[in-house]
Amino acid sequence: MTDDSKTTQVLEPSTAGGSPVGVAVVEPSEALGAGSRTAGNADAMSAAKESLEDYTLRFAPRSYRKWGAGVVATSALGGIAYLADFSIGANIGISYGTVNAIFGIVVAAVVIFATGFPLAYYAARYNIDLDLITRGSGFGYYGSVVTNVIFATFTFIFFALEGSIMAQGLELGLGIPQWLGYAASTLIVIPLVIYGMKALSKLQVWTTPLWLLLMVVPVGYLVISHPDSIGEFFAFTGKSGAEGTNLASVMLAAGVCLSLMAQIAEQIDYLRFMPPKTAENRGAWWRAVILAGPGWVIFGAIKQIVACSLPST
């Protein structure tokens, strides 16, 4: 047993005599003296500090949540710039036709928004992740394990799908071999993971407006240069060739879109860093929670509907 009035510090292994030194117990007054610290102790404390300050999981304390509601919301919405929505929209458009695909997208969006709202609220209100929300909802430890397994599986599949789309796009657009495109799409994520919300808050604020511009300009150009494309878009009937609305096709299209329901877990990882709600920021706080939480599906649905036009053009 050690005395509570003492602190334990990890020391660098000693090379003298080839025998390492494990730990040394020193008085607090000695530990506080900057001049008496060894280089090993300083490195160890620095490493410990860096590993603790990112709060990549669980609860995000107030001392770390220094961003405004708008910055958090922009960072969260930047995460939905993935390309899978275009793939999903194009595929259901080809399979079930434009009208059925749009109705299916709307049905899925309503369900995802309704189920995601309470999760987003509690994440932003209490600054906790999906794991702790699951426990607090009464599902306990084992219930949170199931939630984590579902989200992890979704992330693995989603990441592989995004890497595949990016690799194929780099090959078609720039002639980069697919293996190199896969490697680049994977390695570029590592610095973002290391620096966490600090890096993402800056990256997303600068790149999200550019992404929105690159989304809107091609669609606007297509509509202006080919006005007939709007009529062709709604008249496209897909592989079935059947005109009008078909309930089975709508539900099948919605089922495909509902595969993205787990995306709310990623939005929660951003909303944990929301500032406290006050009388001054009440409006901005609610707008950020709604748009960056369940509201991600609004932007996702728009992307899917835009992608439905690809087969008809």
C-alpha atoms as a PDB file:
ATOM      1  CA  MET A   1       0.000   0.000   0.000  1.00  0.00           C
ATOM      2  CA  THR A   2       1.242   3.535  -0.706  1.00  0.00           C
ATOM      3  CA  ASP A   3       0.617   6.720   1.220  1.00  0.00           C
ATOM      4  CA  ASP A   4      -2.118   8.935  -0.321  1.00  0.00           C
ATOM      5  CA  SER A   5       0.057  11.963   0.308  1.00  0.00           C
ATOM      6  CA  LYS A   6       2.546  10.733  -2.259  1.00  0.00           C
ATOM      7  CA  THR A   7       2.303  10.564  -6.036  1.00  0.00           C
ATOM      8  CA  THR A   8       3.646   7.903  -8.358  1.00  0.00           C
ATOM      9  CA  GLN A   9       5.509   8.865 -11.496  1.00  0.00           C
ATOM     10  CA  VAL A  10       6.639   6.618 -14.339  1.00  0.00           C
ATOM     11  CA  LEU A  11      10.328   6.975 -15.046  1.00  0.00           C
ATOM     12  CA  GLU A  12      12.277   6.163 -18.167  1.00  0.00           C
ATOM     13  CA  PRO A  13      14.133   2.824 -18.046  1.00  0.00           C
ATOM     14  CA  SER A  14      17.660   3.262 -16.800  1.00  0.00           C
ATOM     15  CA  THR A  15      20.458   2.035 -19.037  1.00  0.00           C
ATOM     16  CA  ALA A  16      22.965   1.903 -16.221  1.00  0.00           C
ATOM     17  CA  GLY A  17      23.778  -1.697 -15.441  1.00  0.00           C
ATOM     18  CA  GLY A  18      21.102  -2.825 -17.846  1.00  0.00           C
ATOM     19  CA  SER A  19      18.486  -2.974 -15.123  1.00  0.00           C
ATOM     20  CA  PRO A  20      15.328  -0.900 -15.689  1.00  0.00           C
ATOM     21  CA  VAL A  21      13.789   1.239 -13.006  1.00  0.00           C
ATOM     22  CA  GLY A  22      10.047   0.678 -12.697  1.00  0.00           C
ATOM     23  CA  VAL A  23       8.470   3.484 -10.734  1.00  0.00           C
ATOM     24  CA  ALA A  24       9.654   5.986  -8.191  1.00  0.00           C
ATOM     25  CA  VAL A  25       7.589   7.430  -5.343  1.00  0.00           C
ATOM     26  CA  VAL A  26       8.250  11.087  -4.733  1.00  0.00           C
ATOM     27  CA  GLU A  27       6.806  13.758  -2.503  1.00  0.00           C
ATOM     28  CA  PRO A  28       4.301  16.197  -4.128  1.00  0.00           C
ATOM     29  CA  SER A  29       6.674  19.092  -3.479  1.00  0.00           C
ATOM     30  CA  GLU A  30       9.323  17.316  -5.494  1.00  0.00           C
ATOM     31  CA  ALA A  31       6.898  16.467  -8.279  1.00  0.00           C
ATOM     32  CA  LEU A  32       5.796  20.073  -8.572  1.00  0.00           C
ATOM     33  CA  GLY A  33       9.291  21.387  -8.989  1.00  0.00           C
ATOM     34  CA  ALA A  34       9.764  21.845 -12.718  1.00  0.00           C
ATOM     35  CA  GLY A  35      13.511  22.061 -12.366  1.00  0.00           C
ATOM     36  CA  SER A  36      13.757  18.678 -10.649  1.00  0.00           C
ATOM     37  CA  ARG A  37      11.714  16.775 -13.240  1.00  0.00           C
ATOM     38  CA  THR A  38      13.563  14.420 -15.473  1.00  0.00           C
ATOM     39  CA  ALA A  39      13.065  14.497 -19.227  1.00  0.00           C
ATOM     40  CA  GLY A  40      11.380  11.108 -19.006  1.00  0.00           C
ATOM     41  CA  ASN A  41       8.829  12.341 -16.494  1.00  0.00           C
ATOM     42  CA  ALA A  42       8.039  15.389 -18.637  1.00  0.00           C
ATOM     43  CA  ASP A  43       7.522  13.224 -21.713  1.00  0.00           C
ATOM     44  CA  ALA A  44       5.315  10.809 -19.802  1.00  0.00           C
ATOM     45  CA  MET A  45       3.146  13.614 -18.416  1.00  0.00           C
ATOM     46  CA  SER A  46       2.908  15.243 -21.838  1.00  0.00           C
ATOM     47  CA  ALA A  47       1.843  11.967 -23.436  1.00  0.00           C
ATOM     48  CA  ALA A  48      -0.751  11.405 -20.735  1.00  0.00           C
ATOM     49  CA  LYS A  49      -2.123  14.907 -21.213  1.00  0.00           C
ATOM     50  CA  GLU A  50      -2.399  14.523 -24.979  1.00  0.00           C
ATOM     51  CA  SER A  51      -4.149  11.173 -24.645  1.00  0.00           C
ATOM     52  CA  LEU A  52      -6.738  12.549 -22.241  1.00  0.00           C
ATOM     53  CA  GLU A  53      -7.679  15.865 -23.805  1.00  0.00           C
ATOM     54  CA  ASP A  54      -9.375  14.648 -26.999  1.00  0.00           C
ATOM     55  CA  TYR A  55     -12.462  13.035 -25.425  1.00  0.00           C
ATOM     56  CA  THR A  56     -13.091  10.868 -28.452  1.00  0.00           C
ATOM     57  CA  LEU A  57     -15.486   8.704 -26.441  1.00  0.00           C
ATOM     58  CA  ARG A  58     -18.039   9.007 -23.664  1.00  0.00           C
ATOM     59  CA  PHE A  59     -18.711  12.303 -21.906  1.00  0.00           C
ATOM     60  CA  ALA A  60     -17.308  15.630 -23.142  1.00  0.00           C
ATOM     61  CA  PRO A  61     -16.665  17.974 -20.187  1.00  0.00           C
ATOM     62  CA  ARG A  62     -17.479  21.667 -20.239  1.00  0.00           C
ATOM     63  CA  SER A  63     -13.808  22.635 -20.142  1.00  0.00           C
ATOM     64  CA  TYR A  64     -13.270  21.034 -23.543  1.00  0.00           C
ATOM     65  CA  ARG A  65     -16.459  22.229 -25.247  1.00  0.00           C
ATOM     66  CA  LYS A  66     -15.200  25.607 -26.441  1.00  0.00           C
ATOM     67  CA  TRP A  67     -16.918  25.719 -29.854  1.00  0.00           C
ATOM     68  CA  GLY A  68     -20.071  27.597 -30.680  1.00  0.00           C
ATOM     69  CA  ALA A  69     -23.278  25.902 -31.791  1.00  0.00           C
ATOM     70  CA  GLY A  70     -22.739  26.954 -35.408  1.00  0.00           C
ATOM     71  CA  VAL A  71     -19.241  25.485 -35.590  1.00  0.00           C
ATOM     72  CA  VAL A  72     -20.387  22.174 -34.098  1.00  0.00           C
ATOM     73  CA  ALA A  73     -23.336  21.998 -36.493  1.00  0.00           C
ATOM     74  CA  THR A  74     -21.161  22.776 -39.519  1.00  0.00           C
ATOM     75  CA  SER A  75     -18.638  20.140 -38.451  1.00  0.00           C
ATOM     76  CA  ALA A  76     -21.391  17.573 -38.035  1.00  0.00           C
ATOM     77  CA  LEU A  77     -22.994  18.350 -41.390  1.00  0.00           C
ATOM     78  CA  GLY A  78     -19.599  18.144 -43.071  1.00  0.00           C
ATOM     79  CA  GLY A  79     -19.554  14.487 -42.152  1.00  0.00           C
ATOM     80  CA  ILE A  80     -22.509  13.765 -44.449  1.00  0.00           C
ATOM     81  CA  ALA A  81     -20.565  14.673 -47.586  1.00  0.00           C
ATOM     82  CA  TYR A  82     -20.205  10.962 -48.248  1.00  0.00           C
ATOM     83  CA  LEU A  83     -20.915   9.612 -51.728  1.00  0.00           C
ATOM     84  CA  ALA A  84     -23.025   6.594 -50.773  1.00  0.00           C
ATOM     85  CA  ASP A  85     -26.203   8.676 -51.023  1.00  0.00           C
ATOM     86  CA  PHE A  86     -25.598   9.173 -54.733  1.00  0.00           C
ATOM     87  CA  SER A  87     -25.039   5.460 -55.203  1.00  0.00           C
ATOM     88  CA  ILE A  88     -28.189   4.583 -53.270  1.00  0.00           C
ATOM     89  CA  GLY A  89     -30.326   7.161 -55.074  1.00  0.00           C
ATOM     90  CA  ALA A  90     -29.126   6.098 -58.513  1.00  0.00           C
ATOM     91  CA  ASN A  91     -29.699   2.401 -57.774  1.00  0.00           C
ATOM     92  CA  ILE A  92     -33.232   2.748 -56.425  1.00  0.00           C
ATOM     93  CA  GLY A  93     -34.045   5.130 -59.288  1.00  0.00           C
ATOM     94  CA  ILE A  94     -32.927   2.519 -61.814  1.00  0.00           C
ATOM     95  CA  SER A  95     -34.777  -0.271 -60.017  1.00  0.00           C
ATOM     96  CA  TYR A  96     -38.106   1.374 -59.133  1.00  0.00           C
ATOM     97  CA  GLY A  97     -38.365   4.540 -61.227  1.00  0.00           C
ATOM     98  CA  THR A  98     -38.116   8.171 -60.198  1.00  0.00           C
ATOM     99  CA  VAL A  99     -41.535   8.630 -58.591  1.00  0.00           C
ATOM    100  CA  ASN A 100     -41.378   5.459 -56.486  1.00  0.00           C
ATOM    101  CA  ALA A 101     -37.813   6.224 -55.494  1.00  0.00           C
ATOM    102  CA  ILE A 102     -38.698   9.740 -54.340  1.00  0.00           C
ATOM    103  CA  PHE A 103     -41.616   8.510 -52.247  1.00  0.00           C
ATOM    104  CA  GLY A 104     -39.399   5.821 -50.740  1.00  0.00           C
ATOM    105  CA  ILE A 105     -36.714   8.381 -49.903  1.00  0.00           C
ATOM    106  CA  VAL A 106     -39.291  10.625 -48.210  1.00  0.00           C
ATOM    107  CA  VAL A 107     -40.723   7.739 -46.145  1.00  0.00           C
ATOM    108  CA  ALA A 108     -37.264   6.722 -44.972  1.00  0.00           C
ATOM    109  CA  ALA A 109     -36.344  10.344 -44.188  1.00  0.00           C
ATOM    110  CA  VAL A 110     -39.420  10.787 -41.984  1.00  0.00           C
ATOM    111  CA  VAL A 111     -38.648   7.611 -40.028  1.00  0.00           C
ATOM    112  CA  ILE A 112     -34.967   8.484 -39.595  1.00  0.00           C
ATOM    113  CA  PHE A 113     -35.769  12.050 -38.506  1.00  0.00           C
ATOM    114  CA  ALA A 114     -38.354  10.909 -35.942  1.00  0.00           C
ATOM    115  CA  THR A 115     -36.095   8.272 -34.401  1.00  0.00           C
ATOM    116  CA  GLY A 116     -32.982  10.429 -34.472  1.00  0.00           C
ATOM    117  CA  PHE A 117     -34.404  13.544 -32.803  1.00  0.00           C
ATOM    118  CA  PRO A 118     -34.485  12.285 -29.181  1.00  0.00           C
ATOM    119  CA  LEU A 119     -31.004  10.788 -29.523  1.00  0.00           C
ATOM    120  CA  ALA A 120     -29.596  14.051 -30.853  1.00  0.00           C
ATOM    121  CA  TYR A 121     -31.280  16.071 -28.107  1.00  0.00           C
ATOM    122  CA  TYR A 122     -29.943  13.979 -25.228  1.00  0.00           C
ATOM    123  CA  ALA A 123     -26.463  13.862 -26.775  1.00  0.00           C
ATOM    124  CA  ALA A 124     -26.356  17.661 -27.059  1.00  0.00           C
ATOM    125  CA  ARG A 125     -28.089  18.301 -23.727  1.00  0.00           C
ATOM    126  CA  TYR A 126     -25.959  15.973 -21.610  1.00  0.00           C
ATOM    127  CA  ASN A 127     -22.858  15.745 -23.856  1.00  0.00           C
ATOM    128  CA  ILE A 128     -22.761  11.960 -23.978  1.00  0.00           C
ATOM    129  CA  ASP A 129     -22.301   9.423 -26.757  1.00  0.00           C
ATOM    130  CA  LEU A 130     -24.649   6.712 -28.014  1.00  0.00           C
ATOM    131  CA  ASP A 131     -23.187   4.143 -25.640  1.00  0.00           C
ATOM    132  CA  LEU A 132     -24.115   6.149 -22.551  1.00  0.00           C
ATOM    133  CA  ILE A 133     -27.498   7.063 -24.037  1.00  0.00           C
ATOM    134  CA  THR A 134     -28.212   3.355 -24.490  1.00  0.00           C
ATOM    135  CA  ARG A 135     -27.313   2.643 -20.882  1.00  0.00           C
ATOM    136  CA  GLY A 136     -29.350   5.556 -19.614  1.00  0.00           C
ATOM    137  CA  SER A 137     -32.358   4.358 -21.621  1.00  0.00           C
ATOM    138  CA  GLY A 138     -32.501   1.188 -19.524  1.00  0.00           C
ATOM    139  CA  PHE A 139     -30.747  -1.279 -21.818  1.00  0.00           C
ATOM    140  CA  GLY A 140     -27.764  -1.591 -19.498  1.00  0.00           C
ATOM    141  CA  TYR A 141     -24.225  -2.638 -20.256  1.00  0.00           C
ATOM    142  CA  TYR A 142     -25.115  -5.514 -22.566  1.00  0.00           C
ATOM    143  CA  GLY A 143     -27.536  -3.349 -24.481  1.00  0.00           C
ATOM    144  CA  SER A 144     -24.808  -0.787 -25.077  1.00  0.00           C
ATOM    145  CA  VAL A 145     -22.544  -3.553 -26.377  1.00  0.00           C
ATOM    146  CA  VAL A 146     -25.181  -4.485 -28.963  1.00  0.00           C
ATOM    147  CA  THR A 147     -25.491  -0.839 -29.984  1.00  0.00           C
ATOM    148  CA  ASN A 148     -21.729  -0.532 -30.375  1.00  0.00           C
ATOM    149  CA  VAL A 149     -21.535  -3.699 -32.462  1.00  0.00           C
ATOM    150  CA  ILE A 150     -24.267  -2.405 -34.789  1.00  0.00           C
ATOM    151  CA  PHE A 151     -22.578   0.977 -35.191  1.00  0.00           C
ATOM    152  CA  ALA A 152     -19.133  -0.573 -35.663  1.00  0.00           C
ATOM    153  CA  THR A 153     -20.459  -2.922 -38.350  1.00  0.00           C
ATOM    154  CA  PHE A 154     -22.190  -0.021 -40.074  1.00  0.00           C
ATOM    155  CA  THR A 155     -18.966   2.000 -39.960  1.00  0.00           C
ATOM    156  CA  PHE A 156     -16.839  -0.802 -41.421  1.00  0.00           C
ATOM    157  CA  ILE A 157     -19.249  -1.395 -44.311  1.00  0.00           C
ATOM    158  CA  PHE A 158     -19.730   2.320 -44.872  1.00  0.00           C
ATOM    159  CA  PHE A 159     -16.016   3.045 -44.838  1.00  0.00           C
ATOM    160  CA  ALA A 160     -15.350   0.240 -47.315  1.00  0.00           C
ATOM    161  CA  LEU A 161     -18.122   1.495 -49.607  1.00  0.00           C
ATOM    162  CA  GLU A 162     -16.825   5.063 -49.492  1.00  0.00           C
ATOM    163  CA  GLY A 163     -13.287   3.881 -50.182  1.00  0.00           C
ATOM    164  CA  SER A 164     -14.506   1.899 -53.169  1.00  0.00           C
ATOM    165  CA  ILE A 165     -16.372   4.879 -54.622  1.00  0.00           C
ATOM    166  CA  MET A 166     -13.415   7.199 -54.056  1.00  0.00           C
ATOM    167  CA  ALA A 167     -10.941   4.757 -55.579  1.00  0.00           C
ATOM    168  CA  GLN A 168     -13.089   4.300 -58.681  1.00  0.00           C
ATOM    169  CA  GLY A 169     -13.603   8.059 -58.976  1.00  0.00           C
ATOM    170  CA  LEU A 170      -9.872   8.746 -58.747  1.00  0.00           C
ATOM    171  CA  GLU A 171      -9.234   6.115 -61.403  1.00  0.00           C
ATOM    172  CA  LEU A 172     -11.845   7.485 -63.805  1.00  0.00           C
ATOM    173  CA  GLY A 173     -11.093  11.153 -63.208  1.00  0.00           C
ATOM    174  CA  LEU A 174      -7.339  11.232 -62.699  1.00  0.00           C
ATOM    175  CA  GLY A 175      -6.165   7.838 -63.918  1.00  0.00           C
ATOM    176  CA  ILE A 176      -4.889   6.842 -60.470  1.00  0.00           C
ATOM    177  CA  PRO A 177      -4.713   3.024 -60.032  1.00  0.00           C
ATOM    178  CA  GLN A 178      -7.418   1.633 -57.789  1.00  0.00           C
ATOM    179  CA  TRP A 179      -4.978   0.160 -55.259  1.00  0.00           C
ATOM    180  CA  LEU A 180      -3.396   3.585 -54.809  1.00  0.00           C
ATOM    181  CA  GLY A 181      -6.819   5.196 -54.563  1.00  0.00           C
ATOM    182  CA  TYR A 182      -7.801   2.758 -51.809  1.00  0.00           C
ATOM    183  CA  ALA A 183      -4.564   3.499 -49.938  1.00  0.00           C
ATOM    184  CA  ALA A 184      -4.984   7.277 -50.265  1.00  0.00           C
ATOM    185  CA  SER A 185      -8.640   7.168 -49.161  1.00  0.00           C
ATOM    186  CA  THR A 186      -7.621   5.180 -46.086  1.00  0.00           C
ATOM    187  CA  LEU A 187      -4.452   6.965 -45.010  1.00  0.00           C
ATOM    188  CA  ILE A 188      -5.865  10.477 -45.357  1.00  0.00           C
ATOM    189  CA  VAL A 189      -8.297   9.747 -42.507  1.00  0.00           C
ATOM    190  CA  ILE A 190      -5.562   8.949 -39.966  1.00  0.00           C
ATOM    191  CA  PRO A 191      -4.493  12.571 -39.218  1.00  0.00           C
ATOM    192  CA  LEU A 192      -8.140  13.541 -38.701  1.00  0.00           C
ATOM    193  CA  VAL A 193      -8.591  10.703 -36.219  1.00  0.00           C
ATOM    194  CA  ILE A 194      -5.421  11.663 -34.347  1.00  0.00           C
ATOM    195  CA  TYR A 195      -6.329  15.336 -33.917  1.00  0.00           C
ATOM    196  CA  GLY A 196     -10.071  14.744 -33.436  1.00  0.00           C
ATOM    197  CA  MET A 197     -12.570  17.550 -33.085  1.00  0.00           C
ATOM    198  CA  LYS A 198      -9.866  20.243 -33.095  1.00  0.00           C
ATOM    199  CA  ALA A 199      -8.906  19.397 -36.671  1.00  0.00           C
ATOM    200  CA  LEU A 200     -12.413  18.549 -37.864  1.00  0.00           C
ATOM    201  CA  SER A 201     -13.903  21.816 -36.618  1.00  0.00           C
ATOM    202  CA  LYS A 202     -11.459  23.755 -38.809  1.00  0.00           C
ATOM    203  CA  LEU A 203     -11.562  21.429 -41.812  1.00  0.00           C
ATOM    204  CA  GLN A 204     -15.340  21.192 -42.035  1.00  0.00           C
ATOM    205  CA  VAL A 205     -15.954  24.910 -41.589  1.00  0.00           C
ATOM    206  CA  TRP A 206     -13.716  25.661 -44.586  1.00  0.00           C
ATOM    207  CA  THR A 207     -14.688  22.763 -46.853  1.00  0.00           C
ATOM    208  CA  THR A 208     -18.450  22.416 -46.244  1.00  0.00           C
ATOM    209  CA  PRO A 209     -19.358  25.616 -48.192  1.00  0.00           C
ATOM    210  CA  LEU A 210     -17.146  24.428 -51.046  1.00  0.00           C
ATOM    211  CA  TRP A 211     -18.856  21.038 -51.011  1.00  0.00           C
ATOM    212  CA  LEU A 212     -22.300  22.667 -51.125  1.00  0.00           C
ATOM    213  CA  LEU A 213     -21.196  24.828 -54.051  1.00  0.00           C
ATOM    214  CA  LEU A 214     -19.897  21.811 -55.968  1.00  0.00           C
ATOM    215  CA  MET A 215     -23.213  20.049 -55.357  1.00  0.00           C
ATOM    216  CA  VAL A 216     -25.454  22.887 -56.491  1.00  0.00           C
ATOM    217  CA  VAL A 217     -23.529  24.154 -59.539  1.00  0.00           C
ATOM    218  CA  PRO A 218     -23.673  20.914 -61.629  1.00  0.00           C
ATOM    219  CA  VAL A 219     -27.398  20.492 -60.963  1.00  0.00           C
ATOM    220  CA  GLY A 220     -28.070  24.117 -61.835  1.00  0.00           C
ATOM    221  CA  TYR A 221     -26.037  23.813 -65.018  1.00  0.00           C
ATOM    222  CA  LEU A 222     -27.927  20.654 -66.032  1.00  0.00           C
ATOM    223  CA  VAL A 223     -31.324  22.289 -65.511  1.00  0.00           C
ATOM    224  CA  ILE A 224     -30.352  25.465 -67.394  1.00  0.00           C
ATOM    225  CA  SER A 225     -28.627  23.773 -70.303  1.00  0.00           C
ATOM    226  CA  HIS A 226     -31.165  20.932 -70.627  1.00  0.00           C
ATOM    227  CA  PRO A 227     -34.626  22.174 -69.517  1.00  0.00           C
ATOM    228  CA  ASP A 228     -36.243  18.993 -70.827  1.00  0.00           C
ATOM    229  CA  SER A 229     -34.263  16.943 -68.280  1.00  0.00           C
ATOM    230  CA  ILE A 230     -36.829  17.757 -65.575  1.00  0.00           C
ATOM    231  CA  GLY A 231     -39.656  16.105 -67.498  1.00  0.00           C
ATOM    232  CA  GLU A 232     -37.436  13.159 -68.386  1.00  0.00           C
ATOM    233  CA  PHE A 233     -36.489  12.850 -64.739  1.00  0.00           C
ATOM    234  CA  PHE A 234     -40.063  12.408 -63.492  1.00  0.00           C
ATOM    235  CA  ALA A 235     -41.076  10.249 -66.470  1.00  0.00           C
ATOM    236  CA  PHE A 236     -38.331   7.689 -65.899  1.00  0.00           C
ATOM    237  CA  THR A 237     -39.940   4.374 -64.859  1.00  0.00           C
ATOM    238  CA  GLY A 238     -36.885   2.268 -64.122  1.00  0.00           C
ATOM    239  CA  LYS A 239     -36.342  -1.371 -64.989  1.00  0.00           C
ATOM    240  CA  SER A 240     -39.950  -2.346 -64.345  1.00  0.00           C
ATOM    241  CA  GLY A 241     -41.293   0.103 -66.920  1.00  0.00           C
ATOM    242  CA  ALA A 242     -44.520   0.424 -64.913  1.00  0.00           C
ATOM    243  CA  GLU A 243     -45.960   3.930 -64.737  1.00  0.00           C
ATOM    244  CA  GLY A 244     -47.454   5.473 -61.629  1.00  0.00           C
ATOM    245  CA  THR A 245     -46.857   4.789 -57.955  1.00  0.00           C
ATOM    246  CA  ASN A 246     -46.479   1.269 -56.622  1.00  0.00           C
ATOM    247  CA  LEU A 247     -46.622   0.743 -52.843  1.00  0.00           C
ATOM    248  CA  ALA A 248     -44.330  -2.281 -52.895  1.00  0.00           C
ATOM    249  CA  SER A 249     -41.712  -0.390 -54.894  1.00  0.00           C
ATOM    250  CA  VAL A 250     -41.962   2.582 -52.538  1.00  0.00           C
ATOM    251  CA  MET A 251     -41.424   0.369 -49.470  1.00  0.00           C
ATOM    252  CA  LEU A 252     -38.534  -1.473 -51.117  1.00  0.00           C
ATOM    253  CA  ALA A 253     -36.874   1.831 -51.942  1.00  0.00           C
ATOM    254  CA  ALA A 254     -37.455   3.044 -48.382  1.00  0.00           C
ATOM    255  CA  GLY A 255     -35.902  -0.141 -47.016  1.00  0.00           C
ATOM    256  CA  VAL A 256     -32.707   0.549 -48.931  1.00  0.00           C
ATOM    257  CA  CYS A 257     -32.570   4.129 -47.650  1.00  0.00           C
ATOM    258  CA  LEU A 258     -33.210   3.017 -44.061  1.00  0.00           C
ATOM    259  CA  SER A 259     -29.855   1.249 -44.117  1.00  0.00           C
ATOM    260  CA  LEU A 260     -28.410   4.682 -43.271  1.00  0.00           C
ATOM    261  CA  MET A 261     -30.345   4.968 -39.999  1.00  0.00           C
ATOM    262  CA  ALA A 262     -27.189   4.303 -37.952  1.00  0.00           C
ATOM    263  CA  GLN A 263     -25.688   7.541 -39.300  1.00  0.00           C
ATOM    264  CA  ILE A 264     -27.247   9.309 -36.315  1.00  0.00           C
ATOM    265  CA  ALA A 265     -24.525   7.765 -34.140  1.00  0.00           C
ATOM    266  CA  GLU A 266     -21.891   9.712 -36.046  1.00  0.00           C
ATOM    267  CA  GLN A 267     -23.899  12.922 -35.710  1.00  0.00           C
ATOM    268  CA  ILE A 268     -24.073  12.321 -31.962  1.00  0.00           C
ATOM    269  CA  ASP A 269     -20.293  12.134 -31.794  1.00  0.00           C
ATOM    270  CA  TYR A 270     -20.253  15.768 -32.922  1.00  0.00           C
ATOM    271  CA  LEU A 271     -23.243  16.950 -30.909  1.00  0.00           C
ATOM    272  CA  ARG A 272     -21.506  15.873 -27.689  1.00  0.00           C
ATOM    273  CA  PHE A 273     -19.420  19.024 -28.054  1.00  0.00           C
ATOM    274  CA  MET A 274     -22.374  21.416 -28.111  1.00  0.00           C
ATOM    275  CA  PRO A 275     -22.139  24.340 -25.690  1.00  0.00           C
ATOM    276  CA  PRO A 276     -24.660  24.590 -22.847  1.00  0.00           C
ATOM    277  CA  LYS A 277     -28.060  25.924 -23.831  1.00  0.00           C
ATOM    278  CA  THR A 278     -28.626  29.418 -22.446  1.00  0.00           C
ATOM    279  CA  ALA A 279     -31.197  32.153 -22.909  1.00  0.00           C
ATOM    280  CA  GLU A 280     -28.823  33.940 -25.289  1.00  0.00           C
ATOM    281  CA  ASN A 281     -28.070  30.985 -27.586  1.00  0.00           C
ATOM    282  CA  ARG A 282     -31.381  29.139 -27.277  1.00  0.00           C
ATOM    283  CA  GLY A 283     -32.408  29.643 -30.912  1.00  0.00           C
ATOM    284  CA  ALA A 284     -28.989  28.846 -32.346  1.00  0.00           C
ATOM    285  CA  TRP A 285     -28.701  25.831 -30.044  1.00  0.00           C
ATOM    286  CA  TRP A 286     -31.974  24.297 -31.230  1.00  0.00           C
ATOM    287  CA  ARG A 287     -31.222  24.997 -34.895  1.00  0.00           C
ATOM    288  CA  ALA A 288     -27.849  23.324 -34.558  1.00  0.00           C
ATOM    289  CA  VAL A 289     -29.282  20.269 -32.796  1.00  0.00           C
ATOM    290  CA  ILE A 290     -32.096  19.785 -35.299  1.00  0.00           C
ATOM    291  CA  LEU A 291     -30.069  20.403 -38.461  1.00  0.00           C
ATOM    292  CA  ALA A 292     -26.904  18.590 -37.391  1.00  0.00           C
ATOM    293  CA  GLY A 293     -28.778  15.817 -35.605  1.00  0.00           C
ATOM    294  CA  PRO A 294     -31.795  14.290 -37.357  1.00  0.00           C
ATOM    295  CA  GLY A 295     -31.605  17.051 -39.965  1.00  0.00           C
ATOM    296  CA  TRP A 296     -28.700  15.295 -41.674  1.00  0.00           C
ATOM    297  CA  VAL A 297     -31.314  13.132 -43.387  1.00  0.00           C
ATOM    298  CA  ILE A 298     -32.780  16.205 -45.131  1.00  0.00           C
ATOM    299  CA  PHE A 299     -29.508  16.814 -46.912  1.00  0.00           C
ATOM    300  CA  GLY A 300     -29.072  13.087 -47.473  1.00  0.00           C
ATOM    301  CA  ALA A 301     -32.524  12.809 -49.038  1.00  0.00           C
ATOM    302  CA  ILE A 302     -31.772  15.725 -51.372  1.00  0.00           C
ATOM    303  CA  LYS A 303     -28.598  13.997 -52.499  1.00  0.00           C
ATOM    304  CA  GLN A 304     -30.476  10.747 -53.121  1.00  0.00           C
ATOM    305  CA  ILE A 305     -33.199  12.497 -55.129  1.00  0.00           C
ATOM    306  CA  VAL A 306     -30.574  14.312 -57.199  1.00  0.00           C
ATOM    307  CA  ALA A 307     -28.882  10.972 -57.835  1.00  0.00           C
ATOM    308  CA  CYS A 308     -32.184   9.549 -59.109  1.00  0.00           C
ATOM    309  CA  SER A 309     -31.800  11.881 -62.079  1.00  0.00           C
ATOM    310  CA  LEU A 310     -28.545  10.261 -63.171  1.00  0.00           C
ATOM    311  CA  PRO A 311     -30.137   7.213 -64.847  1.00  0.00           C
ATOM    312  CA  SER A 312     -32.631   9.415 -66.733  1.00  0.00           C
ATOM    313  CA  THR A 313     -30.071  11.853 -68.163  1.00  0.00           C
END
